[in-house]
Amino acid sequence: MTLNIPGIKTDITKEEINSLIDTIISKDVLLTNSGNLIKKSAVQVTQGQVVKFDVT
């Protein structure tokens, strides 16, 4: 399963990420077709810049 969380703060720490995922798992916040989440697998934080182009 992939979970995207937009608007995450840029200075988030590893500890905060672990705490968030632990809470999501322990509180059964998400239910998949396979059932409840049971463990963490991987985390990837992607920080990017939005560039707007005028296409008139």
PDB file of N, CA and C in Angstrom:
ATOM      1  N   MET A   1       0.846  -1.170   0.000  1.00  0.00           N
ATOM      2  CA  MET A   1       0.000   0.000   0.000  1.00  0.00           C
ATOM      3  C   MET A   1       0.887   1.228   0.000  1.00  0.00           C
ATOM      4  N   THR A   2       0.469   2.231  -0.699  1.00  0.00           N
ATOM      5  CA  THR A   2       1.162   3.516  -0.717  1.00  0.00           C
ATOM      6  C   THR A   2       0.245   4.566  -0.124  1.00  0.00           C
ATOM      7  N   LEU A   3       0.796   5.366   0.763  1.00  0.00           N
ATOM      8  CA  LEU A   3       0.039   6.438   1.398  1.00  0.00           C
ATOM      9  C   LEU A   3       0.748   7.750   1.103  1.00  0.00           C
ATOM     10  N   ASN A   4       0.048   8.660   0.462  1.00  0.00           N
ATOM     11  CA  ASN A   4       0.598   9.984   0.177  1.00  0.00           C
ATOM     12  C   ASN A   4      -0.024  10.993   1.122  1.00  0.00           C
ATOM     13  N   ILE A   5       0.827  11.793   1.758  1.00  0.00           N
ATOM     14  CA  ILE A   5       0.354  12.832   2.671  1.00  0.00           C
ATOM     15  C   ILE A   5       0.890  14.163   2.160  1.00  0.00           C
ATOM     16  N   PRO A   6       0.045  14.945   1.489  1.00  0.00           N
ATOM     17  CA  PRO A   6       0.504  16.229   0.956  1.00  0.00           C
ATOM     18  C   PRO A   6       0.631  17.275   2.062  1.00  0.00           C
ATOM     19  N   GLY A   7       1.465  18.266   1.820  1.00  0.00           N
ATOM     20  CA  GLY A   7       1.595  19.385   2.737  1.00  0.00           C
ATOM     21  C   GLY A   7       2.376  19.074   3.996  1.00  0.00           C
ATOM     22  N   ILE A   8       3.185  18.042   3.963  1.00  0.00           N
ATOM     23  CA  ILE A   8       3.970  17.665   5.135  1.00  0.00           C
ATOM     24  C   ILE A   8       5.030  18.738   5.394  1.00  0.00           C
ATOM     25  N   LYS A   9       5.326  18.992   6.647  1.00  0.00           N
ATOM     26  CA  LYS A   9       6.297  20.043   6.959  1.00  0.00           C
ATOM     27  C   LYS A   9       7.689  19.638   6.467  1.00  0.00           C
ATOM     28  N   THR A  10       8.462  20.603   6.080  1.00  0.00           N
ATOM     29  CA  THR A  10       9.765  20.327   5.460  1.00  0.00           C
ATOM     30  C   THR A  10      10.816  19.854   6.445  1.00  0.00           C
ATOM     31  N   ASP A  11      10.621  20.118   7.737  1.00  0.00           N
ATOM     32  CA  ASP A  11      11.637  19.727   8.714  1.00  0.00           C
ATOM     33  C   ASP A  11      11.185  18.529   9.563  1.00  0.00           C
ATOM     34  N   ILE A  12      10.353  17.663   8.988  1.00  0.00           N
ATOM     35  CA  ILE A  12       9.873  16.492   9.730  1.00  0.00           C
ATOM     36  C   ILE A  12      11.043  15.572  10.064  1.00  0.00           C
ATOM     37  N   THR A  13      10.993  14.989  11.251  1.00  0.00           N
ATOM     38  CA  THR A  13      12.085  14.124  11.698  1.00  0.00           C
ATOM     39  C   THR A  13      11.714  12.651  11.533  1.00  0.00           C
ATOM     40  N   LYS A  14      12.718  11.808  11.584  1.00  0.00           N
ATOM     41  CA  LYS A  14      12.515  10.362  11.511  1.00  0.00           C
ATOM     42  C   LYS A  14      11.614   9.903  12.659  1.00  0.00           C
ATOM     43  N   GLU A  15      11.805  10.479  13.831  1.00  0.00           N
ATOM     44  CA  GLU A  15      11.006  10.115  14.990  1.00  0.00           C
ATOM     45  C   GLU A  15       9.530  10.469  14.791  1.00  0.00           C
ATOM     46  N   GLU A  16       9.278  11.643  14.202  1.00  0.00           N
ATOM     47  CA  GLU A  16       7.896  12.055  13.946  1.00  0.00           C
ATOM     48  C   GLU A  16       7.231  11.153  12.914  1.00  0.00           C
ATOM     49  N   ILE A  17       7.978  10.768  11.898  1.00  0.00           N
ATOM     50  CA  ILE A  17       7.449   9.866  10.880  1.00  0.00           C
ATOM     51  C   ILE A  17       7.113   8.517  11.505  1.00  0.00           C
ATOM     52  N   ASN A  18       8.030   7.978  12.305  1.00  0.00           N
ATOM     53  CA  ASN A  18       7.787   6.697  12.966  1.00  0.00           C
ATOM     54  C   ASN A  18       6.568   6.768  13.872  1.00  0.00           C
ATOM     55  N   SER A  19       6.438   7.856  14.617  1.00  0.00           N
ATOM     56  CA  SER A  19       5.297   8.026  15.513  1.00  0.00           C
ATOM     57  C   SER A  19       3.988   8.080  14.729  1.00  0.00           C
ATOM     58  N   LEU A  20       3.970   8.804  13.636  1.00  0.00           N
ATOM     59  CA  LEU A  20       2.779   8.907  12.797  1.00  0.00           C
ATOM     60  C   LEU A  20       2.373   7.540  12.263  1.00  0.00           C
ATOM     61  N   ILE A  21       3.331   6.805  11.731  1.00  0.00           N
ATOM     62  CA  ILE A  21       3.012   5.485  11.166  1.00  0.00           C
ATOM     63  C   ILE A  21       2.575   4.520  12.261  1.00  0.00           C
ATOM     64  N   ASP A  22       3.242   4.557  13.413  1.00  0.00           N
ATOM     65  CA  ASP A  22       2.839   3.704  14.532  1.00  0.00           C
ATOM     66  C   ASP A  22       1.400   3.993  14.955  1.00  0.00           C
ATOM     67  N   THR A  23       1.018   5.260  14.976  1.00  0.00           N
ATOM     68  CA  THR A  23      -0.348   5.644  15.339  1.00  0.00           C
ATOM     69  C   THR A  23      -1.342   5.138  14.311  1.00  0.00           C
ATOM     70  N   ILE A  24      -1.030   5.309  13.037  1.00  0.00           N
ATOM     71  CA  ILE A  24      -1.910   4.835  11.968  1.00  0.00           C
ATOM     72  C   ILE A  24      -2.130   3.330  12.091  1.00  0.00           C
ATOM     73  N   ILE A  25      -1.059   2.585  12.381  1.00  0.00           N
ATOM     74  CA  ILE A  25      -1.175   1.125  12.507  1.00  0.00           C
ATOM     75  C   ILE A  25      -1.925   0.736  13.782  1.00  0.00           C
ATOM     76  N   SER A  26      -1.564   1.317  14.918  1.00  0.00           N
ATOM     77  CA  SER A  26      -2.158   0.904  16.194  1.00  0.00           C
ATOM     78  C   SER A  26      -3.633   1.269  16.317  1.00  0.00           C
ATOM     79  N   LYS A  27      -4.038   2.360  15.668  1.00  0.00           N
ATOM     80  CA  LYS A  27      -5.431   2.807  15.743  1.00  0.00           C
ATOM     81  C   LYS A  27      -6.289   2.221  14.621  1.00  0.00           C
ATOM     82  N   ASP A  28      -5.691   1.370  13.769  1.00  0.00           N
ATOM     83  CA  ASP A  28      -6.416   0.776  12.633  1.00  0.00           C
ATOM     84  C   ASP A  28      -7.110   1.845  11.793  1.00  0.00           C
ATOM     85  N   VAL A  29      -6.362   2.899  11.492  1.00  0.00           N
ATOM     86  CA  VAL A  29      -6.915   4.024  10.724  1.00  0.00           C
ATOM     87  C   VAL A  29      -7.247   3.602   9.299  1.00  0.00           C
ATOM     88  N   LEU A  30      -6.431   2.730   8.722  1.00  0.00           N
ATOM     89  CA  LEU A  30      -6.626   2.309   7.338  1.00  0.00           C
ATOM     90  C   LEU A  30      -6.930   0.824   7.265  1.00  0.00           C
ATOM     91  N   LEU A  31      -7.842   0.475   6.395  1.00  0.00           N
ATOM     92  CA  LEU A  31      -8.182  -0.915   6.147  1.00  0.00           C
ATOM     93  C   LEU A  31      -7.968  -1.187   4.665  1.00  0.00           C
ATOM     94  N   THR A  32      -7.179  -2.195   4.353  1.00  0.00           N
ATOM     95  CA  THR A  32      -6.910  -2.550   2.963  1.00  0.00           C
ATOM     96  C   THR A  32      -7.738  -3.775   2.587  1.00  0.00           C
ATOM     97  N   ASN A  33      -7.685  -4.154   1.323  1.00  0.00           N
ATOM     98  CA  ASN A  33      -8.372  -5.369   0.879  1.00  0.00           C
ATOM     99  C   ASN A  33      -7.826  -6.597   1.596  1.00  0.00           C
ATOM    100  N   SER A  34      -6.592  -6.517   2.059  1.00  0.00           N
ATOM    101  CA  SER A  34      -5.960  -7.629   2.769  1.00  0.00           C
ATOM    102  C   SER A  34      -6.209  -7.574   4.270  1.00  0.00           C
ATOM    103  N   GLY A  35      -6.853  -6.531   4.751  1.00  0.00           N
ATOM    104  CA  GLY A  35      -7.100  -6.377   6.182  1.00  0.00           C
ATOM    105  C   GLY A  35      -6.374  -5.164   6.740  1.00  0.00           C
ATOM    106  N   ASN A  36      -6.211  -5.139   8.052  1.00  0.00           N
ATOM    107  CA  ASN A  36      -5.547  -4.010   8.716  1.00  0.00           C
ATOM    108  C   ASN A  36      -4.047  -4.031   8.469  1.00  0.00           C
ATOM    109  N   LEU A  37      -3.443  -2.862   8.544  1.00  0.00           N
ATOM    110  CA  LEU A  37      -1.991  -2.774   8.438  1.00  0.00           C
ATOM    111  C   LEU A  37      -1.377  -3.374   9.695  1.00  0.00           C
ATOM    112  N   ILE A  38      -0.234  -4.060   9.532  1.00  0.00           N
ATOM    113  CA  ILE A  38       0.373  -4.708  10.695  1.00  0.00           C
ATOM    114  C   ILE A  38       1.817  -4.296  10.934  1.00  0.00           C
ATOM    115  N   LYS A  39       2.502  -3.739   9.924  1.00  0.00           N
ATOM    116  CA  LYS A  39       3.883  -3.323  10.124  1.00  0.00           C
ATOM    117  C   LYS A  39       4.294  -2.277   9.104  1.00  0.00           C
ATOM    118  N   LYS A  40       5.367  -1.575   9.440  1.00  0.00           N
ATOM    119  CA  LYS A  40       5.957  -0.584   8.541  1.00  0.00           C
ATOM    120  C   LYS A  40       6.868  -1.308   7.559  1.00  0.00           C
ATOM    121  N   SER A  41       6.949  -0.772   6.369  1.00  0.00           N
ATOM    122  CA  SER A  41       7.824  -1.368   5.371  1.00  0.00           C
ATOM    123  C   SER A  41       8.899  -0.378   4.932  1.00  0.00           C
ATOM    124  N   ALA A  42       8.468   0.793   4.489  1.00  0.00           N
ATOM    125  CA  ALA A  42       9.418   1.797   4.012  1.00  0.00           C
ATOM    126  C   ALA A  42       8.745   3.165   4.027  1.00  0.00           C
ATOM    127  N   VAL A  43       9.562   4.184   4.122  1.00  0.00           N
ATOM    128  CA  VAL A  43       9.074   5.562   4.057  1.00  0.00           C
ATOM    129  C   VAL A  43       9.949   6.323   3.087  1.00  0.00           C
ATOM    130  N   GLN A  44       9.311   7.116   2.273  1.00  0.00           N
ATOM    131  CA  GLN A  44      10.036   7.970   1.347  1.00  0.00           C
ATOM    132  C   GLN A  44       9.413   9.354   1.420  1.00  0.00           C
ATOM    133  N   VAL A  45      10.222  10.338   1.758  1.00  0.00           N
ATOM    134  CA  VAL A  45       9.759  11.722   1.798  1.00  0.00           C
ATOM    135  C   VAL A  45      10.298  12.410   0.551  1.00  0.00           C
ATOM    136  N   THR A  46       9.381  12.923  -0.241  1.00  0.00           N
ATOM    137  CA  THR A  46       9.757  13.602  -1.476  1.00  0.00           C
ATOM    138  C   THR A  46       9.439  15.077  -1.325  1.00  0.00           C
ATOM    139  N   GLN A  47      10.454  15.900  -1.464  1.00  0.00           N
ATOM    140  CA  GLN A  47      10.245  17.342  -1.390  1.00  0.00           C
ATOM    141  C   GLN A  47      10.550  17.910  -2.763  1.00  0.00           C
ATOM    142  N   GLY A  48       9.613  18.649  -3.264  1.00  0.00           N
ATOM    143  CA  GLY A  48       9.791  19.194  -4.605  1.00  0.00           C
ATOM    144  C   GLY A  48       9.355  20.624  -4.689  1.00  0.00           C
ATOM    145  N   GLN A  49       9.557  21.173  -5.831  1.00  0.00           N
ATOM    146  CA  GLN A  49       9.189  22.553  -6.080  1.00  0.00           C
ATOM    147  C   GLN A  49       8.211  22.565  -7.234  1.00  0.00           C
ATOM    148  N   VAL A  50       7.135  23.302  -7.085  1.00  0.00           N
ATOM    149  CA  VAL A  50       6.152  23.435  -8.145  1.00  0.00           C
ATOM    150  C   VAL A  50       6.573  24.579  -9.048  1.00  0.00           C
ATOM    151  N   VAL A  51       6.635  24.294 -10.334  1.00  0.00           N
ATOM    152  CA  VAL A  51       6.964  25.312 -11.327  1.00  0.00           C
ATOM    153  C   VAL A  51       5.774  25.457 -12.249  1.00  0.00           C
ATOM    154  N   LYS A  52       5.229  26.668 -12.328  1.00  0.00           N
ATOM    155  CA  LYS A  52       4.079  26.911 -13.204  1.00  0.00           C
ATOM    156  C   LYS A  52       4.575  27.460 -14.529  1.00  0.00           C
ATOM    157  N   PHE A  53       3.937  26.977 -15.603  1.00  0.00           N
ATOM    158  CA  PHE A  53       4.276  27.432 -16.946  1.00  0.00           C
ATOM    159  C   PHE A  53       3.057  28.073 -17.580  1.00  0.00           C
ATOM    160  N   ASP A  54       3.269  29.178 -18.282  1.00  0.00           N
ATOM    161  CA  ASP A  54       2.191  29.827 -19.008  1.00  0.00           C
ATOM    162  C   ASP A  54       2.082  29.143 -20.363  1.00  0.00           C
ATOM    163  N   VAL A  55       0.949  28.498 -20.616  1.00  0.00           N
ATOM    164  CA  VAL A  55       0.769  27.735 -21.854  1.00  0.00           C
ATOM    165  C   VAL A  55      -0.321  28.328 -22.731  1.00  0.00           C
ATOM    166  N   THR A  56      -0.402  29.646 -22.800  1.00  0.00           N
ATOM    167  CA  THR A  56      -1.440  30.287 -23.614  1.00  0.00           C
ATOM    168  C   THR A  56      -1.110  30.289 -25.064  1.00  0.00           C
TER     169      THR A  56
END
